[in-house]
Amino acid sequence: MQLGTKLKTLRKNANLSQIRVAKELGISRQAISHWENNRNYPDIEKIRDLSILYHVDPKELLSFTNEGNDVIKQSNNMSYRKTEVLLLLTCVLFILAPLSIFAIPVIMKINKVSCANNPLVFIMCLLSSLYNLFILIVILLNVLNVGFAVVK
């Protein structure tokens, strides 16, 4: 039995909707649908959360042929790719200062939901925020002609 089929069966046996499961896990309903239709796999933390929600052992969720190992490998690879993309995006935000200060909360939310709060992404966002704030202050001081001594 594939993981998606197993997840769908367990959800229906627990009389839960996709929306309810999504709220319990703090993710979107579409993510649940993708998992149940084998278009995507949950990461290890979500498998643990699903096993708690459905009252089954995590090994039971992954106990099907060799697909269990594939799920673990694919979820780890996806997590690494998402982390790499978020880190790259955060580095680009340094260049787009101070406009990018609005994008940082979005990156933090994505990091929390899909990358299990990767500390490196958090640190890069923090540094980018501080840099953006510094640039914003410098621009404001320059526009207001405050804080700079001009010798004529």
C-alpha atoms as a PDB file:
ATOM      1  CA  MET A   1       0.000   0.000   0.000  1.00  0.00           C
ATOM      2  CA  GLN A   2       1.344   3.433  -0.919  1.00  0.00           C
ATOM      3  CA  LEU A   3       1.816   6.092   1.719  1.00  0.00           C
ATOM      4  CA  GLY A   4      -0.885   8.341   0.237  1.00  0.00           C
ATOM      5  CA  THR A   5      -3.464   5.575   0.298  1.00  0.00           C
ATOM      6  CA  LYS A   6      -2.515   4.695   3.858  1.00  0.00           C
ATOM      7  CA  LEU A   7      -2.783   8.339   4.974  1.00  0.00           C
ATOM      8  CA  LYS A   8      -6.182   8.726   3.336  1.00  0.00           C
ATOM      9  CA  THR A   9      -7.461   5.514   4.920  1.00  0.00           C
ATOM     10  CA  LEU A  10      -6.210   6.497   8.371  1.00  0.00           C
ATOM     11  CA  ARG A  11      -7.730   9.970   8.044  1.00  0.00           C
ATOM     12  CA  LYS A  12     -11.109   8.578   7.031  1.00  0.00           C
ATOM     13  CA  ASN A  13     -10.993   5.970   9.807  1.00  0.00           C
ATOM     14  CA  ALA A  14     -10.387   8.793  12.286  1.00  0.00           C
ATOM     15  CA  ASN A  15     -13.381  10.692  10.806  1.00  0.00           C
ATOM     16  CA  LEU A  16     -11.227  13.730  10.070  1.00  0.00           C
ATOM     17  CA  SER A  17     -11.423  16.060   7.102  1.00  0.00           C
ATOM     18  CA  GLN A  18      -8.383  17.251   5.183  1.00  0.00           C
ATOM     19  CA  ILE A  19      -9.038  20.734   6.549  1.00  0.00           C
ATOM     20  CA  ARG A  20      -9.055  19.470  10.138  1.00  0.00           C
ATOM     21  CA  VAL A  21      -5.815  17.503   9.668  1.00  0.00           C
ATOM     22  CA  ALA A  22      -4.219  20.522   7.991  1.00  0.00           C
ATOM     23  CA  LYS A  23      -5.168  22.755  10.931  1.00  0.00           C
ATOM     24  CA  GLU A  24      -3.829  20.222  13.431  1.00  0.00           C
ATOM     25  CA  LEU A  25      -0.492  20.071  11.590  1.00  0.00           C
ATOM     26  CA  GLY A  26      -0.307  23.783  10.782  1.00  0.00           C
ATOM     27  CA  ILE A  27      -0.176  23.293   7.015  1.00  0.00           C
ATOM     28  CA  SER A  28      -2.479  23.797   4.043  1.00  0.00           C
ATOM     29  CA  ARG A  29      -5.272  21.468   2.981  1.00  0.00           C
ATOM     30  CA  GLN A  30      -3.582  21.212  -0.417  1.00  0.00           C
ATOM     31  CA  ALA A  31      -0.511  19.679   1.228  1.00  0.00           C
ATOM     32  CA  ILE A  32      -2.700  16.931   2.707  1.00  0.00           C
ATOM     33  CA  SER A  33      -4.270  16.358  -0.707  1.00  0.00           C
ATOM     34  CA  HIS A  34      -0.837  16.135  -2.351  1.00  0.00           C
ATOM     35  CA  TRP A  35       0.267  13.568   0.221  1.00  0.00           C
ATOM     36  CA  GLU A  36      -2.862  11.467  -0.178  1.00  0.00           C
ATOM     37  CA  ASN A  37      -2.541  11.508  -3.976  1.00  0.00           C
ATOM     38  CA  ASN A  38       1.168  10.593  -3.826  1.00  0.00           C
ATOM     39  CA  ARG A  39       2.218  13.837  -5.519  1.00  0.00           C
ATOM     40  CA  ASN A  40       4.367  14.762  -2.550  1.00  0.00           C
ATOM     41  CA  TYR A  41       5.483  13.226   0.737  1.00  0.00           C
ATOM     42  CA  PRO A  42       5.392  14.618   4.270  1.00  0.00           C
ATOM     43  CA  ASP A  43       8.699  15.281   5.972  1.00  0.00           C
ATOM     44  CA  ILE A  44       9.809  13.228   8.954  1.00  0.00           C
ATOM     45  CA  GLU A  45       8.400  15.676  11.514  1.00  0.00           C
ATOM     46  CA  LYS A  46       4.999  15.632   9.814  1.00  0.00           C
ATOM     47  CA  ILE A  47       5.019  11.824   9.692  1.00  0.00           C
ATOM     48  CA  ARG A  48       5.596  11.847  13.440  1.00  0.00           C
ATOM     49  CA  ASP A  49       2.750  14.362  13.902  1.00  0.00           C
ATOM     50  CA  LEU A  50       0.463  12.285  11.664  1.00  0.00           C
ATOM     51  CA  SER A  51       1.234   9.148  13.653  1.00  0.00           C
ATOM     52  CA  ILE A  52       0.263  10.959  16.861  1.00  0.00           C
ATOM     53  CA  LEU A  53      -2.904  12.334  15.262  1.00  0.00           C
ATOM     54  CA  TYR A  54      -3.952   8.943  13.866  1.00  0.00           C
ATOM     55  CA  HIS A  55      -2.759   6.991  16.945  1.00  0.00           C
ATOM     56  CA  VAL A  56      -0.414   4.733  14.994  1.00  0.00           C
ATOM     57  CA  ASP A  57       3.273   3.991  15.217  1.00  0.00           C
ATOM     58  CA  PRO A  58       5.383   6.068  12.781  1.00  0.00           C
ATOM     59  CA  LYS A  59       6.968   2.838  11.585  1.00  0.00           C
ATOM     60  CA  GLU A  60       3.505   1.622  10.607  1.00  0.00           C
ATOM     61  CA  LEU A  61       3.078   4.646   8.355  1.00  0.00           C
ATOM     62  CA  LEU A  62       6.345   3.843   6.627  1.00  0.00           C
ATOM     63  CA  SER A  63       6.014   0.051   6.652  1.00  0.00           C
ATOM     64  CA  PHE A  64       5.295  -0.651   3.030  1.00  0.00           C
ATOM     65  CA  THR A  65       7.808  -2.196   0.620  1.00  0.00           C
ATOM     66  CA  ASN A  66      10.789   0.016  -0.144  1.00  0.00           C
ATOM     67  CA  GLU A  67       8.684   3.110  -0.536  1.00  0.00           C
ATOM     68  CA  GLY A  68       9.253   3.968   3.120  1.00  0.00           C
ATOM     69  CA  ASN A  69      12.940   4.526   2.456  1.00  0.00           C
ATOM     70  CA  ASP A  70      12.097   6.485  -0.684  1.00  0.00           C
ATOM     71  CA  VAL A  71       9.736   8.713   1.305  1.00  0.00           C
ATOM     72  CA  ILE A  72      12.434   9.460   3.856  1.00  0.00           C
ATOM     73  CA  LYS A  73      15.028  10.199   1.179  1.00  0.00           C
ATOM     74  CA  GLN A  74      12.656  12.337  -0.873  1.00  0.00           C
ATOM     75  CA  SER A  75      11.379  14.312   2.120  1.00  0.00           C
ATOM     76  CA  ASN A  76      14.957  14.981   3.245  1.00  0.00           C
ATOM     77  CA  ASN A  77      15.953  16.040  -0.277  1.00  0.00           C
ATOM     78  CA  MET A  78      12.925  18.318  -0.534  1.00  0.00           C
ATOM     79  CA  SER A  79      13.699  19.840   2.844  1.00  0.00           C
ATOM     80  CA  TYR A  80      17.290  20.517   1.771  1.00  0.00           C
ATOM     81  CA  ARG A  81      16.135  22.040  -1.520  1.00  0.00           C
ATOM     82  CA  LYS A  82      13.621  24.278   0.228  1.00  0.00           C
ATOM     83  CA  THR A  83      16.290  25.352   2.688  1.00  0.00           C
ATOM     84  CA  GLU A  84      18.706  26.125  -0.147  1.00  0.00           C
ATOM     85  CA  VAL A  85      16.076  28.188  -1.958  1.00  0.00           C
ATOM     86  CA  LEU A  86      15.214  30.107   1.207  1.00  0.00           C
ATOM     87  CA  LEU A  87      18.888  30.793   1.914  1.00  0.00           C
ATOM     88  CA  LEU A  88      19.441  31.987  -1.653  1.00  0.00           C
ATOM     89  CA  LEU A  89      16.377  34.209  -1.446  1.00  0.00           C
ATOM     90  CA  THR A  90      17.571  35.638   1.852  1.00  0.00           C
ATOM     91  CA  CYS A  91      20.958  36.449   0.309  1.00  0.00           C
ATOM     92  CA  VAL A  92      19.211  38.216  -2.578  1.00  0.00           C
ATOM     93  CA  LEU A  93      17.301  40.264  -0.015  1.00  0.00           C
ATOM     94  CA  PHE A  94      20.580  41.836   1.080  1.00  0.00           C
ATOM     95  CA  ILE A  95      20.850  43.384  -2.386  1.00  0.00           C
ATOM     96  CA  LEU A  96      17.265  44.624  -2.455  1.00  0.00           C
ATOM     97  CA  ALA A  97      17.489  46.533   0.813  1.00  0.00           C
ATOM     98  CA  PRO A  98      15.354  48.198   2.218  1.00  0.00           C
ATOM     99  CA  LEU A  99      12.427  47.011   0.070  1.00  0.00           C
ATOM    100  CA  SER A 100      12.952  43.406   1.054  1.00  0.00           C
ATOM    101  CA  ILE A 101      12.100  44.040   4.703  1.00  0.00           C
ATOM    102  CA  PHE A 102       8.534  43.047   3.831  1.00  0.00           C
ATOM    103  CA  ALA A 103       9.591  39.693   2.336  1.00  0.00           C
ATOM    104  CA  ILE A 104      11.442  38.487   5.426  1.00  0.00           C
ATOM    105  CA  PRO A 105       8.298  37.567   7.440  1.00  0.00           C
ATOM    106  CA  VAL A 106       7.116  35.496   4.467  1.00  0.00           C
ATOM    107  CA  ILE A 107      10.420  33.629   4.350  1.00  0.00           C
ATOM    108  CA  MET A 108      10.232  33.024   8.096  1.00  0.00           C
ATOM    109  CA  LYS A 109       6.715  31.573   7.725  1.00  0.00           C
ATOM    110  CA  ILE A 110       7.830  29.289   4.890  1.00  0.00           C
ATOM    111  CA  ASN A 111      10.824  28.220   6.977  1.00  0.00           C
ATOM    112  CA  LYS A 112       8.567  27.399   9.913  1.00  0.00           C
ATOM    113  CA  VAL A 113       6.080  25.407   7.845  1.00  0.00           C
ATOM    114  CA  SER A 114       8.218  23.553   5.349  1.00  0.00           C
ATOM    115  CA  CYS A 115      11.778  23.467   6.654  1.00  0.00           C
ATOM    116  CA  ALA A 116      11.150  22.692  10.316  1.00  0.00           C
ATOM    117  CA  ASN A 117      12.547  26.028  11.510  1.00  0.00           C
ATOM    118  CA  ASN A 118      15.990  25.642   9.989  1.00  0.00           C
ATOM    119  CA  PRO A 119      18.259  27.750  12.235  1.00  0.00           C
ATOM    120  CA  LEU A 120      20.502  28.831   9.357  1.00  0.00           C
ATOM    121  CA  VAL A 121      17.544  30.364   7.508  1.00  0.00           C
ATOM    122  CA  PHE A 122      16.486  32.067  10.740  1.00  0.00           C
ATOM    123  CA  ILE A 123      19.967  33.541  11.272  1.00  0.00           C
ATOM    124  CA  MET A 124      20.182  34.736   7.663  1.00  0.00           C
ATOM    125  CA  CYS A 125      16.758  36.365   7.949  1.00  0.00           C
ATOM    126  CA  LEU A 126      17.800  38.053  11.172  1.00  0.00           C
ATOM    127  CA  LEU A 127      20.995  39.392   9.593  1.00  0.00           C
ATOM    128  CA  SER A 128      19.099  40.491   6.505  1.00  0.00           C
ATOM    129  CA  SER A 129      16.520  42.257   8.691  1.00  0.00           C
ATOM    130  CA  LEU A 130      19.223  44.113  10.600  1.00  0.00           C
ATOM    131  CA  TYR A 131      20.980  45.099   7.386  1.00  0.00           C
ATOM    132  CA  ASN A 132      17.707  46.234   5.813  1.00  0.00           C
ATOM    133  CA  LEU A 133      16.869  48.248   8.904  1.00  0.00           C
ATOM    134  CA  PHE A 134      20.307  49.890   8.817  1.00  0.00           C
ATOM    135  CA  ILE A 135      19.908  50.819   5.133  1.00  0.00           C
ATOM    136  CA  LEU A 136      16.420  52.170   5.787  1.00  0.00           C
ATOM    137  CA  ILE A 137      17.690  54.354   8.642  1.00  0.00           C
ATOM    138  CA  VAL A 138      20.582  55.647   6.518  1.00  0.00           C
ATOM    139  CA  ILE A 139      18.199  56.520   3.680  1.00  0.00           C
ATOM    140  CA  LEU A 140      15.781  58.278   6.037  1.00  0.00           C
ATOM    141  CA  LEU A 141      18.575  60.245   7.695  1.00  0.00           C
ATOM    142  CA  ASN A 142      19.932  61.217   4.308  1.00  0.00           C
ATOM    143  CA  VAL A 143      16.517  62.354   3.055  1.00  0.00           C
ATOM    144  CA  LEU A 144      15.904  64.369   6.224  1.00  0.00           C
ATOM    145  CA  ASN A 145      19.459  65.784   6.198  1.00  0.00           C
ATOM    146  CA  VAL A 146      19.938  64.639   9.767  1.00  0.00           C
ATOM    147  CA  GLY A 147      23.020  63.144  11.336  1.00  0.00           C
ATOM    148  CA  PHE A 148      25.587  64.061   8.722  1.00  0.00           C
ATOM    149  CA  ALA A 149      28.063  66.874   9.195  1.00  0.00           C
ATOM    150  CA  VAL A 150      28.853  68.674   5.961  1.00  0.00           C
ATOM    151  CA  VAL A 151      32.041  70.702   5.833  1.00  0.00           C
ATOM    152  CA  LYS A 152      32.047  73.530   3.295  1.00  0.00           C
END
